[in-house]
Amino acid sequence: ASDLPMMEAVGHPVAVNPDPKLERVANKLGWPVVVFSKRTKAVIHRTTQAVGAAGLAAGGFAGGVRWARTVGRRRWR
């Protein structure tokens, strides 16, 4: 509960992934307690990877269309 002094000093403390002692104090004082599991982190990681892959695919597609249009113009001149 080394975070306890800091949490007592802030206006709206929220215990995030607290150790057991801090969780007891937070519950006693009515502070919100938020627990992020490893599963939540894994979902965020997979979502970030999927969005990145979709962005790369969209960029590749747009680049391919531009290249095809440029090459197509040269052929018909």
PDB file of N, CA and C in Angstrom:
ATOM      1  N   ALA A   1       0.833  -1.195   0.000  1.00  0.00           N
ATOM      2  CA  ALA A   1       0.000   0.000   0.000  1.00  0.00           C
ATOM      3  C   ALA A   1       0.869   1.247   0.000  1.00  0.00           C
ATOM      4  N   SER A   2       1.983   1.193  -0.714  1.00  0.00           N
ATOM      5  CA  SER A   2       2.863   2.360  -0.777  1.00  0.00           C
ATOM      6  C   SER A   2       2.195   3.526  -1.497  1.00  0.00           C
ATOM      7  N   ASP A   3       1.127   3.259  -2.234  1.00  0.00           N
ATOM      8  CA  ASP A   3       0.406   4.321  -2.942  1.00  0.00           C
ATOM      9  C   ASP A   3      -0.572   5.061  -2.040  1.00  0.00           C
ATOM     10  N   LEU A   4      -0.794   4.559  -0.851  1.00  0.00           N
ATOM     11  CA  LEU A   4      -1.802   5.123   0.036  1.00  0.00           C
ATOM     12  C   LEU A   4      -1.609   6.612   0.316  1.00  0.00           C
ATOM     13  N   PRO A   5      -0.419   7.109   0.672  1.00  0.00           N
ATOM     14  CA  PRO A   5      -0.267   8.545   0.931  1.00  0.00           C
ATOM     15  C   PRO A   5      -0.624   9.404  -0.289  1.00  0.00           C
ATOM     16  N   MET A   6      -0.215   8.968  -1.468  1.00  0.00           N
ATOM     17  CA  MET A   6      -0.525   9.731  -2.669  1.00  0.00           C
ATOM     18  C   MET A   6      -2.032   9.722  -2.925  1.00  0.00           C
ATOM     19  N   MET A   7      -2.659   8.565  -2.749  1.00  0.00           N
ATOM     20  CA  MET A   7      -4.087   8.467  -3.015  1.00  0.00           C
ATOM     21  C   MET A   7      -4.899   9.296  -2.032  1.00  0.00           C
ATOM     22  N   GLU A   8      -4.418   9.409  -0.806  1.00  0.00           N
ATOM     23  CA  GLU A   8      -5.111  10.249   0.169  1.00  0.00           C
ATOM     24  C   GLU A   8      -4.983  11.722  -0.189  1.00  0.00           C
ATOM     25  N   ALA A   9      -3.941  12.086  -0.935  1.00  0.00           N
ATOM     26  CA  ALA A   9      -3.695  13.488  -1.270  1.00  0.00           C
ATOM     27  C   ALA A   9      -4.483  13.960  -2.491  1.00  0.00           C
ATOM     28  N   VAL A  10      -4.868  13.039  -3.378  1.00  0.00           N
ATOM     29  CA  VAL A  10      -5.554  13.458  -4.605  1.00  0.00           C
ATOM     30  C   VAL A  10      -7.040  13.664  -4.350  1.00  0.00           C
ATOM     31  N   GLY A  11      -7.682  14.379  -5.264  1.00  0.00           N
ATOM     32  CA  GLY A  11      -9.099  14.707  -5.098  1.00  0.00           C
ATOM     33  C   GLY A  11     -10.044  13.536  -5.287  1.00  0.00           C
ATOM     34  N   HIS A  12      -9.808  12.712  -6.288  1.00  0.00           N
ATOM     35  CA  HIS A  12     -10.702  11.592  -6.598  1.00  0.00           C
ATOM     36  C   HIS A  12      -9.882  10.311  -6.771  1.00  0.00           C
ATOM     37  N   PRO A  13      -9.492   9.689  -5.677  1.00  0.00           N
ATOM     38  CA  PRO A  13      -8.645   8.499  -5.785  1.00  0.00           C
ATOM     39  C   PRO A  13      -9.404   7.298  -6.350  1.00  0.00           C
ATOM     40  N   VAL A  14      -8.714   6.540  -7.175  1.00  0.00           N
ATOM     41  CA  VAL A  14      -9.232   5.285  -7.719  1.00  0.00           C
ATOM     42  C   VAL A  14      -8.116   4.253  -7.577  1.00  0.00           C
ATOM     43  N   ALA A  15      -8.417   3.159  -6.919  1.00  0.00           N
ATOM     44  CA  ALA A  15      -7.426   2.097  -6.742  1.00  0.00           C
ATOM     45  C   ALA A  15      -7.449   1.199  -7.980  1.00  0.00           C
ATOM     46  N   VAL A  16      -6.348   1.197  -8.734  1.00  0.00           N
ATOM     47  CA  VAL A  16      -6.247   0.397  -9.953  1.00  0.00           C
ATOM     48  C   VAL A  16      -5.321  -0.783  -9.684  1.00  0.00           C
ATOM     49  N   ASN A  17      -5.838  -1.984  -9.898  1.00  0.00           N
ATOM     50  CA  ASN A  17      -5.095  -3.218  -9.610  1.00  0.00           C
ATOM     51  C   ASN A  17      -4.401  -3.136  -8.243  1.00  0.00           C
ATOM     52  N   PRO A  18      -5.175  -2.870  -7.184  1.00  0.00           N
ATOM     53  CA  PRO A  18      -4.545  -2.665  -5.872  1.00  0.00           C
ATOM     54  C   PRO A  18      -4.066  -3.971  -5.244  1.00  0.00           C
ATOM     55  N   ASP A  19      -3.067  -3.828  -4.357  1.00  0.00           N
ATOM     56  CA  ASP A  19      -2.670  -4.978  -3.553  1.00  0.00           C
ATOM     57  C   ASP A  19      -3.764  -5.165  -2.485  1.00  0.00           C
ATOM     58  N   PRO A  20      -3.784  -6.286  -1.784  1.00  0.00           N
ATOM     59  CA  PRO A  20      -4.879  -6.560  -0.834  1.00  0.00           C
ATOM     60  C   PRO A  20      -5.073  -5.470   0.226  1.00  0.00           C
ATOM     61  N   LYS A  21      -3.974  -4.935   0.762  1.00  0.00           N
ATOM     62  CA  LYS A  21      -4.097  -3.909   1.806  1.00  0.00           C
ATOM     63  C   LYS A  21      -4.743  -2.647   1.246  1.00  0.00           C
ATOM     64  N   LEU A  22      -4.284  -2.205   0.086  1.00  0.00           N
ATOM     65  CA  LEU A  22      -4.844  -0.996  -0.516  1.00  0.00           C
ATOM     66  C   LEU A  22      -6.308  -1.217  -0.891  1.00  0.00           C
ATOM     67  N   GLU A  23      -6.641  -2.411  -1.332  1.00  0.00           N
ATOM     68  CA  GLU A  23      -8.035  -2.700  -1.679  1.00  0.00           C
ATOM     69  C   GLU A  23      -8.932  -2.606  -0.449  1.00  0.00           C
ATOM     70  N   ARG A  24      -8.463  -3.119   0.693  1.00  0.00           N
ATOM     71  CA  ARG A  24      -9.241  -3.021   1.931  1.00  0.00           C
ATOM     72  C   ARG A  24      -9.461  -1.562   2.311  1.00  0.00           C
ATOM     73  N   VAL A  25      -8.397  -0.757   2.247  1.00  0.00           N
ATOM     74  CA  VAL A  25      -8.505   0.664   2.596  1.00  0.00           C
ATOM     75  C   VAL A  25      -9.452   1.372   1.632  1.00  0.00           C
ATOM     76  N   ALA A  26      -9.318   1.090   0.337  1.00  0.00           N
ATOM     77  CA  ALA A  26     -10.173   1.729  -0.670  1.00  0.00           C
ATOM     78  C   ALA A  26     -11.641   1.395  -0.419  1.00  0.00           C
ATOM     79  N   ASN A  27     -11.922   0.135  -0.144  1.00  0.00           N
ATOM     80  CA  ASN A  27     -13.308  -0.256   0.136  1.00  0.00           C
ATOM     81  C   ASN A  27     -13.828   0.429   1.393  1.00  0.00           C
ATOM     82  N   LYS A  28     -12.979   0.511   2.415  1.00  0.00           N
ATOM     83  CA  LYS A  28     -13.371   1.143   3.679  1.00  0.00           C
ATOM     84  C   LYS A  28     -13.686   2.626   3.471  1.00  0.00           C
ATOM     85  N   LEU A  29     -12.884   3.298   2.636  1.00  0.00           N
ATOM     86  CA  LEU A  29     -13.061   4.733   2.415  1.00  0.00           C
ATOM     87  C   LEU A  29     -14.025   5.054   1.269  1.00  0.00           C
ATOM     88  N   GLY A  30     -14.532   4.024   0.611  1.00  0.00           N
ATOM     89  CA  GLY A  30     -15.502   4.250  -0.463  1.00  0.00           C
ATOM     90  C   GLY A  30     -14.885   4.668  -1.785  1.00  0.00           C
ATOM     91  N   TRP A  31     -13.611   4.393  -1.970  1.00  0.00           N
ATOM     92  CA  TRP A  31     -12.956   4.714  -3.241  1.00  0.00           C
ATOM     93  C   TRP A  31     -13.296   3.641  -4.273  1.00  0.00           C
ATOM     94  N   PRO A  32     -13.423   4.022  -5.523  1.00  0.00           N
ATOM     95  CA  PRO A  32     -13.630   3.006  -6.563  1.00  0.00           C
ATOM     96  C   PRO A  32     -12.393   2.115  -6.694  1.00  0.00           C
ATOM     97  N   VAL A  33     -12.631   0.845  -6.968  1.00  0.00           N
ATOM     98  CA  VAL A  33     -11.552  -0.122  -7.185  1.00  0.00           C
ATOM     99  C   VAL A  33     -11.731  -0.688  -8.588  1.00  0.00           C
ATOM    100  N   VAL A  34     -10.697  -0.579  -9.408  1.00  0.00           N
ATOM    101  CA  VAL A  34     -10.743  -1.077 -10.779  1.00  0.00           C
ATOM    102  C   VAL A  34      -9.658  -2.139 -10.930  1.00  0.00           C
ATOM    103  N   VAL A  35     -10.049  -3.301 -11.457  1.00  0.00           N
ATOM    104  CA  VAL A  35      -9.097  -4.393 -11.650  1.00  0.00           C
ATOM    105  C   VAL A  35      -9.063  -4.745 -13.131  1.00  0.00           C
ATOM    106  N   PHE A  36      -7.898  -4.589 -13.742  1.00  0.00           N
ATOM    107  CA  PHE A  36      -7.697  -4.978 -15.130  1.00  0.00           C
ATOM    108  C   PHE A  36      -7.004  -6.330 -15.130  1.00  0.00           C
ATOM    109  N   SER A  37      -7.627  -7.287 -15.754  1.00  0.00           N
ATOM    110  CA  SER A  37      -7.043  -8.625 -15.803  1.00  0.00           C
ATOM    111  C   SER A  37      -6.078  -8.738 -16.974  1.00  0.00           C
ATOM    112  N   LYS A  38      -5.318  -9.816 -17.003  1.00  0.00           N
ATOM    113  CA  LYS A  38      -4.428 -10.065 -18.136  1.00  0.00           C
ATOM    114  C   LYS A  38      -5.248 -10.281 -19.399  1.00  0.00           C
ATOM    115  N   ARG A  39      -6.450 -10.823 -19.247  1.00  0.00           N
ATOM    116  CA  ARG A  39      -7.322 -11.043 -20.397  1.00  0.00           C
ATOM    117  C   ARG A  39      -7.664  -9.706 -21.055  1.00  0.00           C
ATOM    118  N   THR A  40      -7.960  -8.698 -20.254  1.00  0.00           N
ATOM    119  CA  THR A  40      -8.276  -7.378 -20.792  1.00  0.00           C
ATOM    120  C   THR A  40      -7.091  -6.844 -21.583  1.00  0.00           C
ATOM    121  N   LYS A  41      -5.883  -6.994 -21.046  1.00  0.00           N
ATOM    122  CA  LYS A  41      -4.690  -6.526 -21.747  1.00  0.00           C
ATOM    123  C   LYS A  41      -4.509  -7.278 -23.054  1.00  0.00           C
ATOM    124  N   ALA A  42      -4.806  -8.570 -23.046  1.00  0.00           N
ATOM    125  CA  ALA A  42      -4.665  -9.375 -24.262  1.00  0.00           C
ATOM    126  C   ALA A  42      -5.652  -8.922 -25.331  1.00  0.00           C
ATOM    127  N   VAL A  43      -6.874  -8.601 -24.923  1.00  0.00           N
ATOM    128  CA  VAL A  43      -7.885  -8.126 -25.876  1.00  0.00           C
ATOM    129  C   VAL A  43      -7.447  -6.797 -26.472  1.00  0.00           C
ATOM    130  N   ILE A  44      -6.934  -5.907 -25.650  1.00  0.00           N
ATOM    131  CA  ILE A  44      -6.460  -4.613 -26.146  1.00  0.00           C
ATOM    132  C   ILE A  44      -5.317  -4.823 -27.129  1.00  0.00           C
ATOM    133  N   HIS A  45      -4.396  -5.728 -26.808  1.00  0.00           N
ATOM    134  CA  HIS A  45      -3.250  -5.996 -27.679  1.00  0.00           C
ATOM    135  C   HIS A  45      -3.711  -6.558 -29.023  1.00  0.00           C
ATOM    136  N   ARG A  46      -4.628  -7.534 -28.987  1.00  0.00           N
ATOM    137  CA  ARG A  46      -5.121  -8.128 -30.239  1.00  0.00           C
ATOM    138  C   ARG A  46      -5.868  -7.097 -31.074  1.00  0.00           C
ATOM    139  N   THR A  47      -6.662  -6.243 -30.428  1.00  0.00           N
ATOM    140  CA  THR A  47      -7.407  -5.213 -31.149  1.00  0.00           C
ATOM    141  C   THR A  47      -6.449  -4.238 -31.808  1.00  0.00           C
ATOM    142  N   THR A  48      -5.420  -3.840 -31.101  1.00  0.00           N
ATOM    143  CA  THR A  48      -4.423  -2.929 -31.663  1.00  0.00           C
ATOM    144  C   THR A  48      -3.739  -3.561 -32.867  1.00  0.00           C
ATOM    145  N   GLN A  49      -3.405  -4.833 -32.765  1.00  0.00           N
ATOM    146  CA  GLN A  49      -2.777  -5.523 -33.895  1.00  0.00           C
ATOM    147  C   GLN A  49      -3.721  -5.587 -35.092  1.00  0.00           C
ATOM    148  N   ALA A  50      -4.989  -5.870 -34.848  1.00  0.00           N
ATOM    149  CA  ALA A  50      -5.959  -5.978 -35.941  1.00  0.00           C
ATOM    150  C   ALA A  50      -6.150  -4.634 -36.633  1.00  0.00           C
ATOM    151  N   VAL A  51      -6.235  -3.566 -35.858  1.00  0.00           N
ATOM    152  CA  VAL A  51      -6.395  -2.232 -36.448  1.00  0.00           C
ATOM    153  C   VAL A  51      -5.157  -1.862 -37.256  1.00  0.00           C
ATOM    154  N   GLY A  52      -3.988  -2.181 -36.743  1.00  0.00           N
ATOM    155  CA  GLY A  52      -2.750  -1.915 -37.478  1.00  0.00           C
ATOM    156  C   GLY A  52      -2.690  -2.687 -38.780  1.00  0.00           C
ATOM    157  N   ALA A  53      -3.074  -3.954 -38.741  1.00  0.00           N
ATOM    158  CA  ALA A  53      -3.065  -4.773 -39.958  1.00  0.00           C
ATOM    159  C   ALA A  53      -4.063  -4.243 -40.975  1.00  0.00           C
ATOM    160  N   ALA A  54      -5.232  -3.826 -40.517  1.00  0.00           N
ATOM    161  CA  ALA A  54      -6.237  -3.270 -41.425  1.00  0.00           C
ATOM    162  C   ALA A  54      -5.726  -1.977 -42.055  1.00  0.00           C
ATOM    163  N   GLY A  55      -5.039  -1.158 -41.279  1.00  0.00           N
ATOM    164  CA  GLY A  55      -4.464   0.079 -41.813  1.00  0.00           C
ATOM    165  C   GLY A  55      -3.413  -0.196 -42.869  1.00  0.00           C
ATOM    166  N   LEU A  56      -2.557  -1.178 -42.609  1.00  0.00           N
ATOM    167  CA  LEU A  56      -1.545  -1.549 -43.606  1.00  0.00           C
ATOM    168  C   LEU A  56      -2.196  -2.083 -44.875  1.00  0.00           C
ATOM    169  N   ALA A  57      -3.223  -2.898 -44.726  1.00  0.00           N
ATOM    170  CA  ALA A  57      -3.914  -3.452 -45.892  1.00  0.00           C
ATOM    171  C   ALA A  57      -4.575  -2.340 -46.702  1.00  0.00           C
ATOM    172  N   ALA A  58      -5.217  -1.404 -46.029  1.00  0.00           N
ATOM    173  CA  ALA A  58      -5.872  -0.297 -46.727  1.00  0.00           C
ATOM    174  C   ALA A  58      -4.842   0.568 -47.446  1.00  0.00           C
ATOM    175  N   GLY A  59      -3.724   0.832 -46.787  1.00  0.00           N
ATOM    176  CA  GLY A  59      -2.658   1.611 -47.422  1.00  0.00           C
ATOM    177  C   GLY A  59      -2.083   0.897 -48.628  1.00  0.00           C
ATOM    178  N   GLY A  60      -1.877  -0.403 -48.514  1.00  0.00           N
ATOM    179  CA  GLY A  60      -1.372  -1.189 -49.642  1.00  0.00           C
ATOM    180  C   GLY A  60      -2.350  -1.198 -50.801  1.00  0.00           C
ATOM    181  N   PHE A  61      -3.624  -1.323 -50.493  1.00  0.00           N
ATOM    182  CA  PHE A  61      -4.647  -1.313 -51.536  1.00  0.00           C
ATOM    183  C   PHE A  61      -4.674   0.038 -52.245  1.00  0.00           C
ATOM    184  N   ALA A  62      -4.657   1.123 -51.469  1.00  0.00           N
ATOM    185  CA  ALA A  62      -4.678   2.465 -52.061  1.00  0.00           C
ATOM    186  C   ALA A  62      -3.434   2.692 -52.918  1.00  0.00           C
ATOM    187  N   GLY A  63      -2.283   2.250 -52.432  1.00  0.00           N
ATOM    188  CA  GLY A  63      -1.056   2.379 -53.223  1.00  0.00           C
ATOM    189  C   GLY A  63      -1.127   1.565 -54.497  1.00  0.00           C
ATOM    190  N   GLY A  64      -1.696   0.370 -54.428  1.00  0.00           N
ATOM    191  CA  GLY A  64      -1.851  -0.471 -55.611  1.00  0.00           C
ATOM    192  C   GLY A  64      -2.778   0.147 -56.634  1.00  0.00           C
ATOM    193  N   VAL A  65      -3.862   0.732 -56.178  1.00  0.00           N
ATOM    194  CA  VAL A  65      -4.797   1.403 -57.093  1.00  0.00           C
ATOM    195  C   VAL A  65      -4.104   2.573 -57.770  1.00  0.00           C
ATOM    196  N   ARG A  66      -3.385   3.358 -57.005  1.00  0.00           N
ATOM    197  CA  ARG A  66      -2.680   4.509 -57.592  1.00  0.00           C
ATOM    198  C   ARG A  66      -1.643   4.037 -58.614  1.00  0.00           C
ATOM    199  N   TRP A  67      -0.889   3.003 -58.273  1.00  0.00           N
ATOM    200  CA  TRP A  67       0.114   2.465 -59.190  1.00  0.00           C
ATOM    201  C   TRP A  67      -0.550   1.962 -60.466  1.00  0.00           C
ATOM    202  N   ALA A  68      -1.651   1.226 -60.327  1.00  0.00           N
ATOM    203  CA  ALA A  68      -2.347   0.679 -61.496  1.00  0.00           C
ATOM    204  C   ALA A  68      -2.879   1.793 -62.388  1.00  0.00           C
ATOM    205  N   ARG A  69      -3.383   2.850 -61.793  1.00  0.00           N
ATOM    206  CA  ARG A  69      -3.903   3.969 -62.594  1.00  0.00           C
ATOM    207  C   ARG A  69      -2.765   4.675 -63.326  1.00  0.00           C
ATOM    208  N   THR A  70      -1.621   4.816 -62.666  1.00  0.00           N
ATOM    209  CA  THR A  70      -0.469   5.466 -63.302  1.00  0.00           C
ATOM    210  C   THR A  70       0.056   4.613 -64.449  1.00  0.00           C
ATOM    211  N   VAL A  71       0.215   3.329 -64.239  1.00  0.00           N
ATOM    212  CA  VAL A  71       0.706   2.426 -65.278  1.00  0.00           C
ATOM    213  C   VAL A  71      -0.301   2.354 -66.421  1.00  0.00           C
ATOM    214  N   GLY A  72      -1.580   2.326 -66.096  1.00  0.00           N
ATOM    215  CA  GLY A  72      -2.621   2.270 -67.123  1.00  0.00           C
ATOM    216  C   GLY A  72      -2.593   3.483 -68.028  1.00  0.00           C
ATOM    217  N   ARG A  73      -2.344   4.652 -67.480  1.00  0.00           N
ATOM    218  CA  ARG A  73      -2.274   5.879 -68.287  1.00  0.00           C
ATOM    219  C   ARG A  73      -1.092   5.826 -69.240  1.00  0.00           C
ATOM    220  N   ARG A  74       0.024   5.303 -68.779  1.00  0.00           N
ATOM    221  CA  ARG A  74       1.215   5.238 -69.634  1.00  0.00           C
ATOM    222  C   ARG A  74       1.011   4.284 -70.809  1.00  0.00           C
ATOM    223  N   ARG A  75       0.308   3.207 -70.589  1.00  0.00           N
ATOM    224  CA  ARG A  75       0.106   2.214 -71.648  1.00  0.00           C
ATOM    225  C   ARG A  75      -0.748   2.752 -72.784  1.00  0.00           C
ATOM    226  N   TRP A  76      -1.692   3.601 -72.488  1.00  0.00           N
ATOM    227  CA  TRP A  76      -2.649   4.046 -73.497  1.00  0.00           C
ATOM    228  C   TRP A  76      -2.270   5.371 -74.135  1.00  0.00           C
ATOM    229  N   ARG A  77      -1.082   5.840 -73.920  1.00  0.00           N
ATOM    230  CA  ARG A  77      -0.663   7.110 -74.539  1.00  0.00           C
ATOM    231  C   ARG A  77      -0.175   6.894 -75.925  1.00  0.00           C
TER     232      ARG A  77
END
